[in-house]
C-alpha atoms as a PDB file:
ATOM      1  CA  MET A   1      25.360  17.976  49.191  1.00  0.00           C
ATOM      2  CA  SER A   2      25.021  14.423  48.389  1.00  0.00           C
ATOM      3  CA  ALA A   3      22.811  12.360  50.734  1.00  0.00           C
ATOM      4  CA  SER A   4      25.668  10.094  51.969  1.00  0.00           C
ATOM      5  CA  SER A   5      27.566  13.357  53.172  1.00  0.00           C
ATOM      6  CA  LEU A   6      24.693  14.811  55.439  1.00  0.00           C
ATOM      7  CA  VAL A   7      26.249  12.307  58.205  1.00  0.00           C
ATOM      8  CA  GLN A   8      29.786  11.621  58.739  1.00  0.00           C
ATOM      9  CA  ALA A   9      30.930   8.259  60.435  1.00  0.00           C
ATOM     10  CA  THR A  10      34.397   7.979  61.962  1.00  0.00           C
ATOM     11  CA  SER A  11      36.340   6.147  64.607  1.00  0.00           C
ATOM     12  CA  PRO A  12      38.186   8.526  66.588  1.00  0.00           C
ATOM     13  CA  ALA A  13      39.229   6.061  69.085  1.00  0.00           C
ATOM     14  CA  ASN A  14      39.263   2.059  69.730  1.00  0.00           C
ATOM     15  CA  GLY A  15      35.779   0.834  69.905  1.00  0.00           C
ATOM     16  CA  VAL A  16      34.136   4.074  69.492  1.00  0.00           C
ATOM     17  CA  ARG A  17      31.742   5.304  66.446  1.00  0.00           C
ATOM     18  CA  LEU A  18      31.457   9.151  65.974  1.00  0.00           C
ATOM     19  CA  ILE A  19      28.577   9.921  63.955  1.00  0.00           C
ATOM     20  CA  THR A  20      28.230  13.748  63.160  1.00  0.00           C
ATOM     21  CA  LEU A  21      25.371  15.449  61.601  1.00  0.00           C
ATOM     22  CA  ASN A  22      26.748  17.458  58.626  1.00  0.00           C
ATOM     23  CA  ARG A  23      24.342  19.942  57.328  1.00  0.00           C
ATOM     24  CA  PRO A  24      25.907  23.243  58.838  1.00  0.00           C
ATOM     25  CA  GLU A  25      24.551  25.378  56.288  1.00  0.00           C
ATOM     26  CA  LYS A  26      21.123  24.508  57.601  1.00  0.00           C
ATOM     27  CA  ARG A  27      22.159  24.370  61.282  1.00  0.00           C
ATOM     28  CA  ASN A  28      22.108  20.874  60.986  1.00  0.00           C
ATOM     29  CA  ALA A  29      18.378  20.829  60.282  1.00  0.00           C
ATOM     30  CA  MET A  30      17.151  17.059  60.452  1.00  0.00           C
ATOM     31  CA  SER A  31      15.552  16.527  56.977  1.00  0.00           C
ATOM     32  CA  GLN A  32      13.966  13.314  56.073  1.00  0.00           C
ATOM     33  CA  THR A  33      17.113  12.321  54.130  1.00  0.00           C
ATOM     34  CA  LEU A  34      19.330  13.260  56.828  1.00  0.00           C
ATOM     35  CA  LEU A  35      17.518  11.103  59.133  1.00  0.00           C
ATOM     36  CA  GLY A  36      17.595   8.154  56.774  1.00  0.00           C
ATOM     37  CA  VAL A  37      21.237   8.374  56.718  1.00  0.00           C
ATOM     38  CA  LEU A  38      21.498   9.032  60.567  1.00  0.00           C
ATOM     39  CA  LEU A  39      19.433   5.644  61.042  1.00  0.00           C
ATOM     40  CA  SER A  40      21.567   3.657  58.416  1.00  0.00           C
ATOM     41  CA  GLU A  41      24.865   4.744  60.377  1.00  0.00           C
ATOM     42  CA  LEU A  42      23.443   3.803  63.673  1.00  0.00           C
ATOM     43  CA  LYS A  43      22.362   0.569  62.180  1.00  0.00           C
ATOM     44  CA  ILE A  44      25.876  -0.157  60.717  1.00  0.00           C
ATOM     45  CA  ALA A  45      27.489   0.770  64.200  1.00  0.00           C
ATOM     46  CA  SER A  46      24.799  -1.232  66.024  1.00  0.00           C
ATOM     47  CA  THR A  47      25.973  -4.570  64.332  1.00  0.00           C
ATOM     48  CA  ASP A  48      29.679  -3.766  64.144  1.00  0.00           C
ATOM     49  CA  ALA A  49      31.239  -5.974  66.654  1.00  0.00           C
ATOM     50  CA  ALA A  50      34.447  -3.648  67.101  1.00  0.00           C
ATOM     51  CA  VAL A  51      31.973  -0.624  68.243  1.00  0.00           C
ATOM     52  CA  LYS A  52      31.320  -0.755  71.883  1.00  0.00           C
ATOM     53  CA  ALA A  53      29.812   2.957  72.212  1.00  0.00           C
ATOM     54  CA  ILE A  54      28.609   5.705  69.954  1.00  0.00           C
ATOM     55  CA  VAL A  55      28.737   9.455  70.099  1.00  0.00           C
ATOM     56  CA  ILE A  56      26.544  11.776  68.070  1.00  0.00           C
ATOM     57  CA  THR A  57      27.456  15.373  67.372  1.00  0.00           C
ATOM     58  CA  GLY A  58      26.695  18.319  65.262  1.00  0.00           C
ATOM     59  CA  SER A  59      29.114  20.108  62.734  1.00  0.00           C
ATOM     60  CA  GLY A  60      29.812  23.726  62.811  1.00  0.00           C
ATOM     61  CA  THR A  61      28.313  25.781  65.639  1.00  0.00           C
ATOM     62  CA  PHE A  62      25.112  23.780  66.140  1.00  0.00           C
ATOM     63  CA  PHE A  63      24.292  20.391  67.326  1.00  0.00           C
ATOM     64  CA  SER A  64      20.916  20.376  65.501  1.00  0.00           C
ATOM     65  CA  ALA A  65      18.123  23.061  64.798  1.00  0.00           C
ATOM     66  CA  GLY A  66      15.620  20.198  65.024  1.00  0.00           C
ATOM     67  CA  ALA A  67      13.313  18.770  62.347  1.00  0.00           C
ATOM     68  CA  ASP A  68      13.383  20.607  58.757  1.00  0.00           C
ATOM     69  CA  LEU A  69      10.267  22.504  58.989  1.00  0.00           C
ATOM     70  CA  LYS A  70      10.224  22.288  54.702  1.00  0.00           C
ATOM     71  CA  ASP A  71       9.416  18.651  55.351  1.00  0.00           C
ATOM     72  CA  ILE A  72       6.249  19.403  57.255  1.00  0.00           C
ATOM     73  CA  ALA A  73       5.123  22.528  55.495  1.00  0.00           C
ATOM     74  CA  GLY A  74       2.530  20.859  53.270  1.00  0.00           C
ATOM     75  CA  LEU A  75       1.642  18.061  55.736  1.00  0.00           C
ATOM     76  CA  ASP A  76      -1.704  18.001  57.360  1.00  0.00           C
ATOM     77  CA  SER A  77      -2.748  15.648  60.391  1.00  0.00           C
ATOM     78  CA  ALA A  78      -3.714  12.730  57.947  1.00  0.00           C
ATOM     79  CA  GLY A  79      -0.508  13.052  56.042  1.00  0.00           C
ATOM     80  CA  ALA A  80       1.773  13.102  59.094  1.00  0.00           C
ATOM     81  CA  ARG A  81      -0.068  10.162  60.623  1.00  0.00           C
ATOM     82  CA  SER A  82       0.095   8.468  57.122  1.00  0.00           C
ATOM     83  CA  CYS A  83       3.913   8.683  57.113  1.00  0.00           C
ATOM     84  CA  ARG A  84       4.307   8.381  60.714  1.00  0.00           C
ATOM     85  CA  TYR A  85       6.366  11.528  60.720  1.00  0.00           C
ATOM     86  CA  LEU A  86       9.598  11.188  63.085  1.00  0.00           C
ATOM     87  CA  GLU A  87       8.540   7.623  64.210  1.00  0.00           C
ATOM     88  CA  ASP A  88      11.405   5.976  62.539  1.00  0.00           C
ATOM     89  CA  LEU A  89      13.787   8.133  64.459  1.00  0.00           C
ATOM     90  CA  CYS A  90      12.206   7.097  67.629  1.00  0.00           C
ATOM     91  CA  VAL A  91      12.077   3.262  66.765  1.00  0.00           C
ATOM     92  CA  GLY A  92      15.761   3.460  65.388  1.00  0.00           C
ATOM     93  CA  MET A  93      17.219   5.227  68.264  1.00  0.00           C
ATOM     94  CA  ALA A  94      15.422   2.806  70.776  1.00  0.00           C
ATOM     95  CA  ALA A  95      16.584  -0.089  68.986  1.00  0.00           C
ATOM     96  CA  VAL A  96      20.427   0.561  69.378  1.00  0.00           C
ATOM     97  CA  ARG A  97      21.495  -1.387  72.529  1.00  0.00           C
ATOM     98  CA  LYS A  98      25.032   0.173  72.702  1.00  0.00           C
ATOM     99  CA  PRO A  99      25.560   3.105  74.846  1.00  0.00           C
ATOM    100  CA  LEU A 100      24.684   6.433  73.133  1.00  0.00           C
ATOM    101  CA  LEU A 101      26.402   9.654  74.107  1.00  0.00           C
ATOM    102  CA  ALA A 102      25.151  13.110  72.883  1.00  0.00           C
ATOM    103  CA  ALA A 103      28.192  15.437  72.529  1.00  0.00           C
ATOM    104  CA  VAL A 104      26.099  18.745  72.183  1.00  0.00           C
ATOM    105  CA  ASN A 105      28.380  21.176  70.857  1.00  0.00           C
ATOM    106  CA  GLY A 106      26.082  24.042  70.314  1.00  0.00           C
ATOM    107  CA  PRO A 107      22.265  24.855  70.384  1.00  0.00           C
ATOM    108  CA  ALA A 108      20.092  21.797  70.405  1.00  0.00           C
ATOM    109  CA  LEU A 109      16.823  22.934  69.502  1.00  0.00           C
ATOM    110  CA  GLY A 110      13.382  21.102  69.021  1.00  0.00           C
ATOM    111  CA  GLY A 111      13.813  17.628  67.408  1.00  0.00           C
ATOM    112  CA  GLY A 112      17.825  18.211  68.278  1.00  0.00           C
ATOM    113  CA  PHE A 113      16.929  18.554  72.106  1.00  0.00           C
ATOM    114  CA  GLU A 114      14.853  15.554  71.699  1.00  0.00           C
ATOM    115  CA  LEU A 115      17.630  13.405  69.711  1.00  0.00           C
ATOM    116  CA  ALA A 116      20.090  14.575  72.658  1.00  0.00           C
ATOM    117  CA  LEU A 117      17.430  13.191  75.163  1.00  0.00           C
ATOM    118  CA  MET A 118      17.027   9.823  73.245  1.00  0.00           C
ATOM    119  CA  CYS A 119      20.699   9.301  74.170  1.00  0.00           C
ATOM    120  CA  ASP A 120      22.147   7.554  77.302  1.00  0.00           C
ATOM    121  CA  LEU A 121      24.406  10.164  78.369  1.00  0.00           C
ATOM    122  CA  ILE A 122      24.590  13.976  77.272  1.00  0.00           C
ATOM    123  CA  ILE A 123      27.908  15.959  77.338  1.00  0.00           C
ATOM    124  CA  VAL A 124      27.454  19.827  76.464  1.00  0.00           C
ATOM    125  CA  SER A 125      29.863  22.509  75.591  1.00  0.00           C
ATOM    126  CA  LYS A 126      29.427  25.492  78.051  1.00  0.00           C
ATOM    127  CA  SER A 127      28.209  27.960  75.535  1.00  0.00           C
ATOM    128  CA  ALA A 128      25.171  25.307  74.099  1.00  0.00           C
ATOM    129  CA  TYR A 129      21.949  25.408  75.272  1.00  0.00           C
ATOM    130  CA  PHE A 130      18.627  23.286  74.701  1.00  0.00           C
ATOM    131  CA  ALA A 131      15.003  24.572  73.822  1.00  0.00           C
ATOM    132  CA  LEU A 132      11.922  23.493  72.486  1.00  0.00           C
ATOM    133  CA  PRO A 133      10.325  26.378  70.349  1.00  0.00           C
ATOM    134  CA  GLU A 134       7.693  24.182  68.835  1.00  0.00           C
ATOM    135  CA  THR A 135       4.674  26.177  70.489  1.00  0.00           C
ATOM    136  CA  LYS A 136       5.931  29.347  68.236  1.00  0.00           C
ATOM    137  CA  ARG A 137       5.291  27.503  65.223  1.00  0.00           C
ATOM    138  CA  GLY A 138       1.790  26.124  66.270  1.00  0.00           C
ATOM    139  CA  LEU A 139       3.268  22.719  67.009  1.00  0.00           C
ATOM    140  CA  ILE A 140       4.211  20.775  70.131  1.00  0.00           C
ATOM    141  CA  PRO A 141       7.296  18.560  70.458  1.00  0.00           C
ATOM    142  CA  GLY A 142       6.823  15.228  68.748  1.00  0.00           C
ATOM    143  CA  ALA A 143       9.799  13.019  69.366  1.00  0.00           C
ATOM    144  CA  GLY A 144       9.429  12.431  72.899  1.00  0.00           C
ATOM    145  CA  GLY A 145      10.235  15.593  74.211  1.00  0.00           C
ATOM    146  CA  THR A 146       7.393  16.410  76.511  1.00  0.00           C
ATOM    147  CA  GLN A 147       7.796  12.808  78.098  1.00  0.00           C
ATOM    148  CA  ARG A 148      11.442  12.632  78.359  1.00  0.00           C
ATOM    149  CA  LEU A 149      12.223  16.073  79.778  1.00  0.00           C
ATOM    150  CA  THR A 150       9.328  15.972  82.568  1.00  0.00           C
ATOM    151  CA  ALA A 151      10.436  12.457  83.502  1.00  0.00           C
ATOM    152  CA  ALA A 152      14.279  13.444  83.349  1.00  0.00           C
ATOM    153  CA  VAL A 153      13.812  16.496  85.700  1.00  0.00           C
ATOM    154  CA  GLY A 154      11.268  14.843  87.774  1.00  0.00           C
ATOM    155  CA  LYS A 155      13.586  11.865  88.341  1.00  0.00           C
ATOM    156  CA  PHE A 156      16.444  14.185  89.446  1.00  0.00           C
ATOM    157  CA  ARG A 157      14.312  16.424  91.581  1.00  0.00           C
ATOM    158  CA  ALA A 158      12.858  13.388  93.324  1.00  0.00           C
ATOM    159  CA  ALA A 159      16.439  12.297  94.343  1.00  0.00           C
ATOM    160  CA  GLN A 160      16.964  15.891  95.516  1.00  0.00           C
ATOM    161  CA  ARG A 161      13.705  15.823  97.480  1.00  0.00           C
ATOM    162  CA  ARG A 162      14.995  12.841  99.616  1.00  0.00           C
ATOM    163  CA  GLU A 163      17.926  15.228 100.821  1.00  0.00           C
ATOM    164  CA  ALA A 164      15.757  18.010 101.644  1.00  0.00           C
ATOM    165  CA  SER A 165      13.387  16.859 104.265  1.00  0.00           C
ATOM    166  CA  LEU A 166      12.237  20.096 104.947  1.00  0.00           C
ATOM    167  CA  VAL A 167      10.431  20.930 101.825  1.00  0.00           C
ATOM    168  CA  SER A 168       7.239  19.497 101.275  1.00  0.00           C
ATOM    169  CA  ASP A 169       6.663  16.917  98.406  1.00  0.00           C
ATOM    170  CA  LEU A 170       4.069  19.314  96.831  1.00  0.00           C
ATOM    171  CA  THR A 171       6.635  21.874  96.619  1.00  0.00           C
ATOM    172  CA  PHE A 172       9.071  19.692  94.778  1.00  0.00           C
ATOM    173  CA  SER A 173       6.571  18.281  92.413  1.00  0.00           C
ATOM    174  CA  PHE A 174       5.311  21.860  91.602  1.00  0.00           C
ATOM    175  CA  PHE A 175       9.020  22.993  91.017  1.00  0.00           C
ATOM    176  CA  PHE A 176       9.944  20.122  88.519  1.00  0.00           C
ATOM    177  CA  VAL A 177       6.524  20.346  86.601  1.00  0.00           C
ATOM    178  CA  PHE A 178       7.343  24.107  86.391  1.00  0.00           C
ATOM    179  CA  GLN A 179      10.615  23.724  84.874  1.00  0.00           C
ATOM    180  CA  ALA A 180       9.237  21.208  82.332  1.00  0.00           C
ATOM    181  CA  MET A 181       6.456  23.644  81.448  1.00  0.00           C
ATOM    182  CA  ARG A 182       8.518  26.736  81.047  1.00  0.00           C
ATOM    183  CA  THR A 183      10.693  24.923  78.495  1.00  0.00           C
ATOM    184  CA  ILE A 184       8.093  23.074  76.658  1.00  0.00           C
ATOM    185  CA  ILE A 185       5.076  25.777  76.788  1.00  0.00           C
ATOM    186  CA  ALA A 186       6.960  29.087  77.217  1.00  0.00           C
ATOM    187  CA  GLY A 187      10.117  27.891  75.129  1.00  0.00           C
ATOM    188  CA  LYS A 188      12.495  29.173  77.766  1.00  0.00           C
ATOM    189  CA  PRO A 189      15.866  28.228  76.782  1.00  0.00           C
ATOM    190  CA  ILE A 190      17.924  25.476  79.435  1.00  0.00           C
ATOM    191  CA  THR A 191      21.542  26.672  79.771  1.00  0.00           C
ATOM    192  CA  SER A 192      24.250  24.151  79.783  1.00  0.00           C
ATOM    193  CA  GLU A 193      24.668  25.019  83.712  1.00  0.00           C
ATOM    194  CA  GLU A 194      21.056  24.283  84.126  1.00  0.00           C
ATOM    195  CA  ALA A 195      21.130  21.168  82.242  1.00  0.00           C
ATOM    196  CA  LEU A 196      23.890  19.954  84.596  1.00  0.00           C
ATOM    197  CA  SER A 197      22.091  20.724  87.738  1.00  0.00           C
ATOM    198  CA  TRP A 198      18.923  19.584  86.659  1.00  0.00           C
ATOM    199  CA  GLY A 199      20.571  16.103  85.759  1.00  0.00           C
ATOM    200  CA  LEU A 200      20.041  16.201  81.919  1.00  0.00           C
ATOM    201  CA  ALA A 201      23.666  16.529  81.313  1.00  0.00           C
ATOM    202  CA  CYS A 202      26.349  14.597  82.931  1.00  0.00           C
ATOM    203  CA  ASP A 203      29.018  16.907  82.289  1.00  0.00           C
ATOM    204  CA  VAL A 204      29.658  20.432  80.971  1.00  0.00           C
ATOM    205  CA  ALA A 205      33.142  21.025  79.024  1.00  0.00           C
ATOM    206  CA  GLU A 206      34.779  24.007  77.875  1.00  0.00           C
ATOM    207  CA  ASP A 207      33.688  24.556  73.907  1.00  0.00           C
ATOM    208  CA  GLY A 208      37.120  23.611  72.590  1.00  0.00           C
ATOM    209  CA  ASP A 209      37.249  20.393  75.029  1.00  0.00           C
ATOM    210  CA  MET A 210      33.410  19.000  74.672  1.00  0.00           C
ATOM    211  CA  LEU A 211      33.936  16.584  71.932  1.00  0.00           C
ATOM    212  CA  GLN A 212      37.362  14.944  73.226  1.00  0.00           C
ATOM    213  CA  GLN A 213      35.625  14.769  76.433  1.00  0.00           C
ATOM    214  CA  ALA A 214      32.829  13.090  74.878  1.00  0.00           C
ATOM    215  CA  ILE A 215      34.977  10.795  73.036  1.00  0.00           C
ATOM    216  CA  ALA A 216      37.108  10.055  76.192  1.00  0.00           C
ATOM    217  CA  THR A 217      33.987   9.076  78.161  1.00  0.00           C
ATOM    218  CA  ALA A 218      32.833   6.732  75.511  1.00  0.00           C
ATOM    219  CA  SER A 219      36.179   5.300  75.268  1.00  0.00           C
ATOM    220  CA  ALA A 220      36.273   4.569  78.973  1.00  0.00           C
ATOM    221  CA  LEU A 221      32.890   2.531  78.446  1.00  0.00           C
ATOM    222  CA  THR A 222      34.442   0.336  75.997  1.00  0.00           C
ATOM    223  CA  GLU A 223      36.533  -0.986  78.947  1.00  0.00           C
ATOM    224  CA  HIS A 224      33.465  -2.369  80.471  1.00  0.00           C
ATOM    225  CA  GLY A 225      31.744  -5.768  79.513  1.00  0.00           C
ATOM    226  CA  SER A 226      29.895  -5.185  76.213  1.00  0.00           C
ATOM    227  CA  GLU A 227      27.020  -7.519  76.951  1.00  0.00           C
ATOM    228  CA  ALA A 228      26.838  -6.168  80.559  1.00  0.00           C
ATOM    229  CA  LEU A 229      26.560  -2.501  79.110  1.00  0.00           C
ATOM    230  CA  GLN A 230      23.616  -3.659  76.723  1.00  0.00           C
ATOM    231  CA  LEU A 231      21.756  -5.449  79.496  1.00  0.00           C
ATOM    232  CA  ALA A 232      22.176  -2.620  82.112  1.00  0.00           C
ATOM    233  CA  LYS A 233      20.912   0.002  79.171  1.00  0.00           C
ATOM    234  CA  GLU A 234      17.849  -2.315  78.440  1.00  0.00           C
ATOM    235  CA  ALA A 235      17.082  -2.581  82.037  1.00  0.00           C
ATOM    236  CA  VAL A 236      17.090   1.245  82.551  1.00  0.00           C
ATOM    237  CA  CYS A 237      15.253   1.910  79.186  1.00  0.00           C
ATOM    238  CA  ARG A 238      12.632  -0.411  80.387  1.00  0.00           C
ATOM    239  CA  ALA A 239      12.069   1.398  83.667  1.00  0.00           C
ATOM    240  CA  ASP A 240      12.261   4.886  81.538  1.00  0.00           C
ATOM    241  CA  ALA A 241       9.591   3.689  79.129  1.00  0.00           C
ATOM    242  CA  LEU A 242       7.199   2.907  81.725  1.00  0.00           C
ATOM    243  CA  CYS A 243       7.094   6.449  83.050  1.00  0.00           C
ATOM    244  CA  ARG A 244       6.248   7.658  79.343  1.00  0.00           C
ATOM    245  CA  ASP A 245       3.410   7.719  76.985  1.00  0.00           C
ATOM    246  CA  ASP A 246       5.113   8.566  73.695  1.00  0.00           C
ATOM    247  CA  LEU A 247       2.166   7.534  71.615  1.00  0.00           C
ATOM    248  CA  PHE A 248      -0.155   9.773  73.366  1.00  0.00           C
ATOM    249  CA  GLU A 249       2.387  12.597  72.512  1.00  0.00           C
ATOM    250  CA  ARG A 250       2.681  11.801  69.175  1.00  0.00           C
ATOM    251  CA  ASN A 251      -0.869  11.794  68.511  1.00  0.00           C
ATOM    252  CA  LEU A 252      -1.052  15.178  69.567  1.00  0.00           C
ATOM    253  CA  TYR A 253       1.656  16.305  67.706  1.00  0.00           C
ATOM    254  CA  TYR A 254       0.021  14.853  64.579  1.00  0.00           C
ATOM    255  CA  THR A 255      -3.209  16.722  65.432  1.00  0.00           C
ATOM    256  CA  THR A 256      -1.198  20.089  65.656  1.00  0.00           C
ATOM    257  CA  PHE A 257      -0.307  19.444  61.837  1.00  0.00           C
ATOM    258  CA  GLY A 258      -4.031  20.038  60.853  1.00  0.00           C
ATOM    259  CA  THR A 259      -4.085  23.561  62.697  1.00  0.00           C
ATOM    260  CA  GLU A 260      -4.204  26.894  61.149  1.00  0.00           C
ATOM    261  CA  GLU A 261      -1.475  28.135  63.712  1.00  0.00           C
ATOM    262  CA  LYS A 262       0.804  25.379  62.423  1.00  0.00           C
ATOM    263  CA  ARG A 263       0.409  26.601  58.725  1.00  0.00           C
ATOM    264  CA  GLN A 264       1.071  30.194  59.702  1.00  0.00           C
ATOM    265  CA  GLY A 265       3.874  29.375  62.027  1.00  0.00           C
ATOM    266  CA  VAL A 266       5.732  27.199  59.704  1.00  0.00           C
ATOM    267  CA  ASP A 267       5.368  29.438  56.801  1.00  0.00           C
ATOM    268  CA  GLU A 268       6.176  32.387  58.491  1.00  0.00           C
ATOM    269  CA  PHE A 269       9.650  30.742  59.926  1.00  0.00           C
ATOM    270  CA  LEU A 270      10.372  29.609  56.451  1.00  0.00           C
ATOM    271  CA  ALA A 271       9.669  32.891  54.985  1.00  0.00           C
ATOM    272  CA  LYS A 272      11.904  34.459  57.613  1.00  0.00           C
ATOM    273  CA  ARG A 273      14.739  32.003  56.817  1.00  0.00           C
ATOM    274  CA  GLY A 274      14.474  32.677  53.034  1.00  0.00           C
ATOM    275  CA  ARG A 275      13.479  28.898  52.502  1.00  0.00           C
END
């Protein structure tokens, strides 16, 4: 498959750019080549005045299985820091001023989950789920997963807390931290319904209807003022960034690249997959 075909960009509705990760034989795993094409398509959509909103989805039955472990199998901590692995994705996604929607059509694992969390709205199909299985491979999430998930669940629980005056602040704090911990440390999947109830997803749709619903949601945004949408997004992202320490997470992530656990975990996974 040529590099250019790893990501498909179409215009399914006026003002909407649909970007599809197109590596179904590898569960849309995000190789460095795929990420380069994705970032190129995002830049094109960002500078196209006709595009008002962007939808990211996956081909086949997966949204994305995350980073391609073949890319990191030979990387140690120094190598990961030198090439600033995954940093381009974080920077490139943050540079998109237009509304970004994740249309999660299937499992979103590891970096795939983090990619969805980088979007402004998430619409998920009923059978899809999210997971951060990195610790099983001797790694940790490295593209904002520990920061974004904890912040997102925490903000939602804080809103619930204001409506539940009989429940102590301490109980609520433990509850939302536990939810993030069970996903990040224990690798416990998050179902589509849990994603909705925790405020991670804005809507859950039947599997066959999800993409059209995401496109319809994006299309509705095109009726709003473009500059107003971009400025509103910038303000929200600024507030969100103040709650996170992405650099701290990324440094810890790179540290795991030098461990024997990482080497064994990645090698075992690749051997199991026959890659």
